PDB file of N, CA and C in Angstrom:
ATOM      1  N   MET A   1     -18.875 -24.814 -13.256  1.00  0.00           N
ATOM      2  CA  MET A   1     -17.780 -24.798 -12.228  1.00  0.00           C
ATOM      3  C   MET A   1     -16.433 -24.859 -12.725  1.00  0.00           C
ATOM      4  N   ALA A   2     -15.623 -23.943 -12.252  1.00  0.00           N
ATOM      5  CA  ALA A   2     -14.194 -23.891 -12.746  1.00  0.00           C
ATOM      6  C   ALA A   2     -13.221 -24.324 -11.599  1.00  0.00           C
ATOM      7  N   GLU A   3     -12.080 -24.912 -11.872  1.00  0.00           N
ATOM      8  CA  GLU A   3     -11.204 -25.217 -10.892  1.00  0.00           C
ATOM      9  C   GLU A   3      -9.814 -25.131 -11.309  1.00  0.00           C
ATOM     10  N   ARG A   4      -8.856 -24.938 -10.307  1.00  0.00           N
ATOM     11  CA  ARG A   4      -7.414 -24.872 -10.422  1.00  0.00           C
ATOM     12  C   ARG A   4      -6.840 -25.964  -9.424  1.00  0.00           C
ATOM     13  N   GLN A   5      -5.863 -26.603  -9.870  1.00  0.00           N
ATOM     14  CA  GLN A   5      -4.996 -27.502  -8.966  1.00  0.00           C
ATOM     15  C   GLN A   5      -3.675 -26.796  -8.818  1.00  0.00           C
ATOM     16  N   VAL A   6      -3.309 -26.583  -7.569  1.00  0.00           N
ATOM     17  CA  VAL A   6      -2.064 -25.816  -7.415  1.00  0.00           C
ATOM     18  C   VAL A   6      -1.185 -26.384  -6.304  1.00  0.00           C
ATOM     19  N   THR A   7       0.107 -26.318  -6.586  1.00  0.00           N
ATOM     20  CA  THR A   7       1.050 -26.861  -5.521  1.00  0.00           C
ATOM     21  C   THR A   7       1.519 -25.590  -4.679  1.00  0.00           C
ATOM     22  N   VAL A   8       1.269 -25.706  -3.414  1.00  0.00           N
ATOM     23  CA  VAL A   8       1.710 -24.577  -2.525  1.00  0.00           C
ATOM     24  C   VAL A   8       3.192 -24.528  -2.308  1.00  0.00           C
ATOM     25  N   GLU A   9       3.755 -23.427  -2.662  1.00  0.00           N
ATOM     26  CA  GLU A   9       5.252 -23.132  -2.562  1.00  0.00           C
ATOM     27  C   GLU A   9       5.661 -22.341  -1.415  1.00  0.00           C
ATOM     28  N   SER A  10       4.881 -21.600  -0.689  1.00  0.00           N
ATOM     29  CA  SER A  10       5.278 -20.799   0.435  1.00  0.00           C
ATOM     30  C   SER A  10       5.912 -21.721   1.591  1.00  0.00           C
ATOM     31  N   GLU A  11       7.015 -21.274   2.044  1.00  0.00           N
ATOM     32  CA  GLU A  11       7.679 -21.975   3.187  1.00  0.00           C
ATOM     33  C   GLU A  11       6.776 -22.322   4.325  1.00  0.00           C
ATOM     34  N   VAL A  12       5.822 -21.301   4.525  1.00  0.00           N
ATOM     35  CA  VAL A  12       4.814 -21.507   5.664  1.00  0.00           C
ATOM     36  C   VAL A  12       3.553 -22.115   5.267  1.00  0.00           C
ATOM     37  N   GLY A  13       3.518 -22.583   3.881  1.00  0.00           N
ATOM     38  CA  GLY A  13       2.236 -23.214   3.451  1.00  0.00           C
ATOM     39  C   GLY A  13       1.245 -22.191   3.247  1.00  0.00           C
ATOM     40  N   LEU A  14      -0.071 -22.602   3.522  1.00  0.00           N
ATOM     41  CA  LEU A  14      -1.170 -21.722   3.331  1.00  0.00           C
ATOM     42  C   LEU A  14      -1.653 -21.144   4.823  1.00  0.00           C
ATOM     43  N   HIS A  15      -0.624 -20.683   5.488  1.00  0.00           N
ATOM     44  CA  HIS A  15      -0.898 -20.238   6.929  1.00  0.00           C
ATOM     45  C   HIS A  15      -0.611 -18.613   7.016  1.00  0.00           C
ATOM     46  N   ALA A  16      -0.908 -18.139   8.099  1.00  0.00           N
ATOM     47  CA  ALA A  16      -0.454 -16.804   8.384  1.00  0.00           C
ATOM     48  C   ALA A  16      -0.732 -15.716   7.259  1.00  0.00           C
ATOM     49  N   ARG A  17       0.059 -15.140   6.817  1.00  0.00           N
ATOM     50  CA  ARG A  17      -0.020 -14.067   5.893  1.00  0.00           C
ATOM     51  C   ARG A  17      -0.591 -14.547   4.474  1.00  0.00           C
ATOM     52  N   PRO A  18      -0.106 -15.665   3.910  1.00  0.00           N
ATOM     53  CA  PRO A  18      -0.596 -16.197   2.762  1.00  0.00           C
ATOM     54  C   PRO A  18      -1.969 -16.651   2.850  1.00  0.00           C
ATOM     55  N   ALA A  19      -2.395 -17.122   3.977  1.00  0.00           N
ATOM     56  CA  ALA A  19      -3.812 -17.561   4.088  1.00  0.00           C
ATOM     57  C   ALA A  19      -4.761 -16.302   4.110  1.00  0.00           C
ATOM     58  N   ALA A  20      -4.303 -15.372   4.904  1.00  0.00           N
ATOM     59  CA  ALA A  20      -5.065 -14.114   4.943  1.00  0.00           C
ATOM     60  C   ALA A  20      -5.244 -13.379   3.607  1.00  0.00           C
ATOM     61  N   THR A  21      -4.167 -13.407   2.988  1.00  0.00           N
ATOM     62  CA  THR A  21      -4.248 -12.724   1.445  1.00  0.00           C
ATOM     63  C   THR A  21      -5.207 -13.635   0.628  1.00  0.00           C
ATOM     64  N   PHE A  22      -5.074 -14.955   0.770  1.00  0.00           N
ATOM     65  CA  PHE A  22      -5.906 -15.878   0.031  1.00  0.00           C
ATOM     66  C   PHE A  22      -7.423 -15.631   0.369  1.00  0.00           C
ATOM     67  N   VAL A  23      -7.739 -15.573   1.521  1.00  0.00           N
ATOM     68  CA  VAL A  23      -9.196 -15.383   2.083  1.00  0.00           C
ATOM     69  C   VAL A  23      -9.572 -13.944   1.619  1.00  0.00           C
ATOM     70  N   GLN A  24      -8.782 -12.947   1.754  1.00  0.00           N
ATOM     71  CA  GLN A  24      -9.340 -11.580   1.437  1.00  0.00           C
ATOM     72  C   GLN A  24      -9.658 -11.481  -0.043  1.00  0.00           C
ATOM     73  N   THR A  25      -8.789 -12.191  -0.869  1.00  0.00           N
ATOM     74  CA  THR A  25      -8.904 -12.166  -2.294  1.00  0.00           C
ATOM     75  C   THR A  25     -10.174 -12.993  -2.519  1.00  0.00           C
ATOM     76  N   ALA A  26     -10.501 -14.127  -2.136  1.00  0.00           N
ATOM     77  CA  ALA A  26     -11.566 -14.884  -2.272  1.00  0.00           C
ATOM     78  C   ALA A  26     -13.007 -14.097  -1.921  1.00  0.00           C
ATOM     79  N   ALA A  27     -12.887 -13.436  -0.778  1.00  0.00           N
ATOM     80  CA  ALA A  27     -14.054 -12.665  -0.260  1.00  0.00           C
ATOM     81  C   ALA A  27     -14.302 -11.537  -1.171  1.00  0.00           C
ATOM     82  N   LYS A  28     -13.416 -11.176  -2.014  1.00  0.00           N
ATOM     83  CA  LYS A  28     -13.850 -10.003  -2.971  1.00  0.00           C
ATOM     84  C   LYS A  28     -14.689 -10.309  -4.039  1.00  0.00           C
ATOM     85  N   ALA A  29     -14.813 -11.739  -4.282  1.00  0.00           N
ATOM     86  CA  ALA A  29     -15.587 -12.270  -5.426  1.00  0.00           C
ATOM     87  C   ALA A  29     -17.078 -12.522  -4.882  1.00  0.00           C
ATOM     88  N   PRO A  30     -18.019 -12.165  -5.681  1.00  0.00           N
ATOM     89  CA  PRO A  30     -19.457 -12.479  -5.402  1.00  0.00           C
ATOM     90  C   PRO A  30     -19.763 -13.896  -5.750  1.00  0.00           C
ATOM     91  N   LEU A  31     -19.014 -14.849  -5.467  1.00  0.00           N
ATOM     92  CA  LEU A  31     -19.013 -16.247  -6.023  1.00  0.00           C
ATOM     93  C   LEU A  31     -18.919 -17.185  -4.788  1.00  0.00           C
ATOM     94  N   ASP A  32     -19.321 -18.392  -4.936  1.00  0.00           N
ATOM     95  CA  ASP A  32     -19.029 -19.499  -3.972  1.00  0.00           C
ATOM     96  C   ASP A  32     -17.722 -19.989  -4.313  1.00  0.00           C
ATOM     97  N   VAL A  33     -16.720 -19.932  -3.418  1.00  0.00           N
ATOM     98  CA  VAL A  33     -15.306 -20.274  -3.828  1.00  0.00           C
ATOM     99  C   VAL A  33     -14.939 -21.295  -2.669  1.00  0.00           C
ATOM    100  N   THR A  34     -14.459 -22.397  -3.001  1.00  0.00           N
ATOM    101  CA  THR A  34     -13.943 -23.438  -2.015  1.00  0.00           C
ATOM    102  C   THR A  34     -12.520 -23.865  -2.410  1.00  0.00           C
ATOM    103  N   VAL A  35     -11.827 -24.442  -1.281  1.00  0.00           N
ATOM    104  CA  VAL A  35     -10.521 -24.822  -1.470  1.00  0.00           C
ATOM    105  C   VAL A  35     -10.478 -26.118  -0.627  1.00  0.00           C
ATOM    106  N   ALA A  36      -9.816 -27.195  -1.385  1.00  0.00           N
ATOM    107  CA  ALA A  36      -9.574 -28.546  -0.541  1.00  0.00           C
ATOM    108  C   ALA A  36      -8.146 -28.914  -0.669  1.00  0.00           C
ATOM    109  N   LYS A  37      -7.722 -29.613   0.249  1.00  0.00           N
ATOM    110  CA  LYS A  37      -6.280 -29.990   0.228  1.00  0.00           C
ATOM    111  C   LYS A  37      -6.312 -31.345  -0.314  1.00  0.00           C
ATOM    112  N   GLY A  38      -5.508 -31.663  -1.327  1.00  0.00           N
ATOM    113  CA  GLY A  38      -5.439 -32.921  -1.986  1.00  0.00           C
ATOM    114  C   GLY A  38      -6.870 -33.281  -2.382  1.00  0.00           C
ATOM    115  N   GLY A  39      -7.248 -34.538  -2.030  1.00  0.00           N
ATOM    116  CA  GLY A  39      -8.659 -35.052  -2.445  1.00  0.00           C
ATOM    117  C   GLY A  39      -9.621 -34.891  -1.305  1.00  0.00           C
ATOM    118  N   GLY A  40      -9.259 -34.036  -0.304  1.00  0.00           N
ATOM    119  CA  GLY A  40     -10.074 -33.927   0.950  1.00  0.00           C
ATOM    120  C   GLY A  40     -11.366 -33.190   0.650  1.00  0.00           C
ATOM    121  N   GLN A  41     -11.927 -32.877   1.675  1.00  0.00           N
ATOM    122  CA  GLN A  41     -13.367 -32.109   1.625  1.00  0.00           C
ATOM    123  C   GLN A  41     -13.016 -30.789   1.539  1.00  0.00           C
ATOM    124  N   PRO A  42     -13.778 -30.260   0.517  1.00  0.00           N
ATOM    125  CA  PRO A  42     -13.593 -28.631   0.348  1.00  0.00           C
ATOM    126  C   PRO A  42     -14.256 -27.804   1.561  1.00  0.00           C
ATOM    127  N   VAL A  43     -13.514 -26.679   1.592  1.00  0.00           N
ATOM    128  CA  VAL A  43     -14.142 -25.731   2.649  1.00  0.00           C
ATOM    129  C   VAL A  43     -14.251 -24.401   2.053  1.00  0.00           C
ATOM    130  N   ASN A  44     -14.988 -23.488   2.834  1.00  0.00           N
ATOM    131  CA  ASN A  44     -15.217 -22.100   2.316  1.00  0.00           C
ATOM    132  C   ASN A  44     -13.901 -21.346   2.270  1.00  0.00           C
ATOM    133  N   ALA A  45     -13.590 -20.968   0.960  1.00  0.00           N
ATOM    134  CA  ALA A  45     -12.252 -20.181   0.802  1.00  0.00           C
ATOM    135  C   ALA A  45     -12.321 -18.713   1.452  1.00  0.00           C
ATOM    136  N   LYS A  46     -13.536 -18.336   1.840  1.00  0.00           N
ATOM    137  CA  LYS A  46     -13.612 -16.985   2.411  1.00  0.00           C
ATOM    138  C   LYS A  46     -13.547 -16.893   3.872  1.00  0.00           C
ATOM    139  N   SER A  47     -13.467 -18.128   4.444  1.00  0.00           N
ATOM    140  CA  SER A  47     -13.201 -18.403   5.945  1.00  0.00           C
ATOM    141  C   SER A  47     -11.953 -18.584   6.260  1.00  0.00           C
ATOM    142  N   ILE A  48     -11.212 -17.662   7.146  1.00  0.00           N
ATOM    143  CA  ILE A  48      -9.844 -17.824   7.539  1.00  0.00           C
ATOM    144  C   ILE A  48      -9.741 -18.996   8.250  1.00  0.00           C
ATOM    145  N   LEU A  49     -10.668 -19.404   9.245  1.00  0.00           N
ATOM    146  CA  LEU A  49     -10.726 -20.544  10.110  1.00  0.00           C
ATOM    147  C   LEU A  49     -10.738 -21.784   9.235  1.00  0.00           C
ATOM    148  N   ALA A  50     -11.582 -21.887   8.275  1.00  0.00           N
ATOM    149  CA  ALA A  50     -11.690 -22.990   7.413  1.00  0.00           C
ATOM    150  C   ALA A  50     -10.383 -23.284   6.618  1.00  0.00           C
ATOM    151  N   VAL A  51      -9.992 -22.181   6.045  1.00  0.00           N
ATOM    152  CA  VAL A  51      -8.664 -22.395   5.351  1.00  0.00           C
ATOM    153  C   VAL A  51      -7.515 -22.812   6.263  1.00  0.00           C
ATOM    154  N   LEU A  52      -7.389 -22.227   7.400  1.00  0.00           N
ATOM    155  CA  LEU A  52      -6.403 -22.730   8.246  1.00  0.00           C
ATOM    156  C   LEU A  52      -6.387 -24.121   8.766  1.00  0.00           C
ATOM    157  N   SER A  53      -7.839 -24.526   8.766  1.00  0.00           N
ATOM    158  CA  SER A  53      -8.088 -25.922   9.260  1.00  0.00           C
ATOM    159  C   SER A  53      -7.480 -26.954   8.343  1.00  0.00           C
ATOM    160  N   LEU A  54      -7.368 -26.643   7.201  1.00  0.00           N
ATOM    161  CA  LEU A  54      -6.780 -27.577   6.116  1.00  0.00           C
ATOM    162  C   LEU A  54      -5.328 -27.959   6.369  1.00  0.00           C
ATOM    163  N   ASP A  55      -4.621 -27.188   7.168  1.00  0.00           N
ATOM    164  CA  ASP A  55      -3.188 -27.422   7.521  1.00  0.00           C
ATOM    165  C   ASP A  55      -2.400 -27.690   6.181  1.00  0.00           C
ATOM    166  N   VAL A  56      -2.522 -26.736   5.209  1.00  0.00           N
ATOM    167  CA  VAL A  56      -1.732 -26.977   4.055  1.00  0.00           C
ATOM    168  C   VAL A  56      -0.226 -26.360   4.278  1.00  0.00           C
ATOM    169  N   ARG A  57       0.622 -27.289   3.837  1.00  0.00           N
ATOM    170  CA  ARG A  57       2.014 -26.985   4.131  1.00  0.00           C
ATOM    171  C   ARG A  57       2.758 -27.037   2.602  1.00  0.00           C
ATOM    172  N   LYS A  58       3.939 -26.536   2.654  1.00  0.00           N
ATOM    173  CA  LYS A  58       4.781 -26.359   1.466  1.00  0.00           C
ATOM    174  C   LYS A  58       4.669 -27.817   0.800  1.00  0.00           C
ATOM    175  N   GLY A  59       4.397 -27.782  -0.569  1.00  0.00           N
ATOM    176  CA  GLY A  59       4.551 -28.987  -1.380  1.00  0.00           C
ATOM    177  C   GLY A  59       3.124 -29.775  -1.413  1.00  0.00           C
ATOM    178  N   ASP A  60       2.118 -29.311  -0.588  1.00  0.00           N
ATOM    179  CA  ASP A  60       0.865 -29.805  -0.607  1.00  0.00           C
ATOM    180  C   ASP A  60       0.028 -29.302  -1.863  1.00  0.00           C
ATOM    181  N   THR A  61      -0.815 -30.020  -2.348  1.00  0.00           N
ATOM    182  CA  THR A  61      -1.594 -29.668  -3.579  1.00  0.00           C
ATOM    183  C   THR A  61      -2.908 -29.238  -3.027  1.00  0.00           C
ATOM    184  N   VAL A  62      -3.555 -28.120  -3.528  1.00  0.00           N
ATOM    185  CA  VAL A  62      -4.873 -27.715  -3.262  1.00  0.00           C
ATOM    186  C   VAL A  62      -5.749 -27.616  -4.540  1.00  0.00           C
ATOM    187  N   VAL A  63      -7.035 -27.874  -4.394  1.00  0.00           N
ATOM    188  CA  VAL A  63      -8.037 -27.605  -5.431  1.00  0.00           C
ATOM    189  C   VAL A  63      -8.867 -26.502  -5.161  1.00  0.00           C
ATOM    190  N   ILE A  64      -8.939 -25.474  -5.904  1.00  0.00           N
ATOM    191  CA  ILE A  64      -9.659 -24.350  -5.722  1.00  0.00           C
ATOM    192  C   ILE A  64     -10.832 -24.347  -6.697  1.00  0.00           C
ATOM    193  N   LYS A  65     -12.019 -24.265  -6.379  1.00  0.00           N
ATOM    194  CA  LYS A  65     -13.136 -24.092  -7.180  1.00  0.00           C
ATOM    195  C   LYS A  65     -13.998 -23.003  -7.000  1.00  0.00           C
ATOM    196  N   ALA A  66     -14.567 -22.531  -8.116  1.00  0.00           N
ATOM    197  CA  ALA A  66     -15.559 -21.422  -8.086  1.00  0.00           C
ATOM    198  C   ALA A  66     -16.631 -21.566  -9.017  1.00  0.00           C
ATOM    199  N   GLU A  67     -17.854 -21.052  -8.916  1.00  0.00           N
ATOM    200  CA  GLU A  67     -18.801 -21.172  -9.864  1.00  0.00           C
ATOM    201  C   GLU A  67     -19.463 -19.768 -10.141  1.00  0.00           C
ATOM    202  N   GLY A  68     -19.759 -19.396 -11.286  1.00  0.00           N
ATOM    203  CA  GLY A  68     -20.400 -18.140 -11.649  1.00  0.00           C
ATOM    204  C   GLY A  68     -19.500 -17.209 -12.613  1.00  0.00           C
ATOM    205  N   GLU A  69     -20.155 -16.112 -12.880  1.00  0.00           N
ATOM    206  CA  GLU A  69     -19.333 -15.359 -13.951  1.00  0.00           C
ATOM    207  C   GLU A  69     -18.117 -14.574 -13.129  1.00  0.00           C
ATOM    208  N   GLY A  70     -17.112 -14.810 -13.724  1.00  0.00           N
ATOM    209  CA  GLY A  70     -15.736 -14.310 -13.172  1.00  0.00           C
ATOM    210  C   GLY A  70     -14.996 -15.396 -12.392  1.00  0.00           C
ATOM    211  N   ALA A  71     -15.489 -16.565 -12.400  1.00  0.00           N
ATOM    212  CA  ALA A  71     -14.752 -17.717 -11.817  1.00  0.00           C
ATOM    213  C   ALA A  71     -13.460 -17.942 -12.188  1.00  0.00           C
ATOM    214  N   ASP A  72     -13.149 -17.863 -13.514  1.00  0.00           N
ATOM    215  CA  ASP A  72     -11.779 -18.009 -14.068  1.00  0.00           C
ATOM    216  C   ASP A  72     -10.868 -16.980 -13.603  1.00  0.00           C
ATOM    217  N   GLU A  73     -11.306 -15.849 -13.468  1.00  0.00           N
ATOM    218  CA  GLU A  73     -10.653 -14.738 -13.034  1.00  0.00           C
ATOM    219  C   GLU A  73     -10.144 -14.893 -11.599  1.00  0.00           C
ATOM    220  N   ILE A  74     -10.910 -15.113 -10.757  1.00  0.00           N
ATOM    221  CA  ILE A  74     -10.778 -15.145  -9.261  1.00  0.00           C
ATOM    222  C   ILE A  74      -9.870 -16.474  -9.004  1.00  0.00           C
ATOM    223  N   LEU A  75     -10.105 -17.533  -9.676  1.00  0.00           N
ATOM    224  CA  LEU A  75      -9.257 -18.673  -9.659  1.00  0.00           C
ATOM    225  C   LEU A  75      -7.841 -18.412 -10.088  1.00  0.00           C
ATOM    226  N   ASP A  76      -7.599 -17.685 -11.030  1.00  0.00           N
ATOM    227  CA  ASP A  76      -6.266 -17.359 -11.578  1.00  0.00           C
ATOM    228  C   ASP A  76      -5.639 -16.586 -10.357  1.00  0.00           C
ATOM    229  N   GLN A  77      -6.308 -15.578  -9.831  1.00  0.00           N
ATOM    230  CA  GLN A  77      -5.731 -14.847  -8.726  1.00  0.00           C
ATOM    231  C   GLN A  77      -5.266 -15.619  -7.473  1.00  0.00           C
ATOM    232  N   LEU A  78      -6.214 -16.549  -7.144  1.00  0.00           N
ATOM    233  CA  LEU A  78      -6.012 -17.566  -5.990  1.00  0.00           C
ATOM    234  C   LEU A  78      -4.933 -18.471  -6.239  1.00  0.00           C
ATOM    235  N   ALA A  79      -4.781 -18.927  -7.470  1.00  0.00           N
ATOM    236  CA  ALA A  79      -3.764 -19.823  -7.805  1.00  0.00           C
ATOM    237  C   ALA A  79      -2.332 -19.123  -7.647  1.00  0.00           C
ATOM    238  N   LEU A  80      -2.200 -17.929  -8.022  1.00  0.00           N
ATOM    239  CA  LEU A  80      -0.991 -17.151  -7.940  1.00  0.00           C
ATOM    240  C   LEU A  80      -0.711 -17.037  -6.588  1.00  0.00           C
ATOM    241  N   ILE A  81      -1.680 -16.779  -5.682  1.00  0.00           N
ATOM    242  CA  ILE A  81      -1.262 -16.485  -4.239  1.00  0.00           C
ATOM    243  C   ILE A  81      -0.803 -17.846  -3.566  1.00  0.00           C
ATOM    244  N   ALA A  82      -1.540 -18.908  -3.867  1.00  0.00           N
ATOM    245  CA  ALA A  82      -1.293 -20.225  -3.301  1.00  0.00           C
ATOM    246  C   ALA A  82       0.224 -20.749  -3.866  1.00  0.00           C
ATOM    247  N   ALA A  83       0.557 -20.373  -5.110  1.00  0.00           N
ATOM    248  CA  ALA A  83       1.741 -21.004  -5.687  1.00  0.00           C
ATOM    249  C   ALA A  83       2.951 -20.039  -5.422  1.00  0.00           C
ATOM    250  N   ALA A  84       2.721 -18.899  -4.766  1.00  0.00           N
ATOM    251  CA  ALA A  84       3.845 -17.961  -4.452  1.00  0.00           C
ATOM    252  C   ALA A  84       4.807 -18.479  -3.652  1.00  0.00           C
ATOM    253  N   PRO A  85       6.052 -18.324  -3.759  1.00  0.00           N
ATOM    254  CA  PRO A  85       7.079 -18.910  -2.901  1.00  0.00           C
ATOM    255  C   PRO A  85       7.142 -17.992  -1.635  1.00  0.00           C
TER     256      PRO A  85
END
């Protein structure tokens, strides 16, 4: 299991376009990928409704986890999306 902890920098948080890009990127990976806000319960990172339900705002920290071959690669991509201003 690999993970990344990222501070969200987008003015809109992980909502709207950043969330859509995040989910589309996660969906490309043939892995289980989850995201959690702070120390909260993880949700499926491939589900737009699940990601939006986290209500991630600018300055919040998210923990993204993936397991399997290519996990580090997909986590690096998702971390860049989450940290983008």
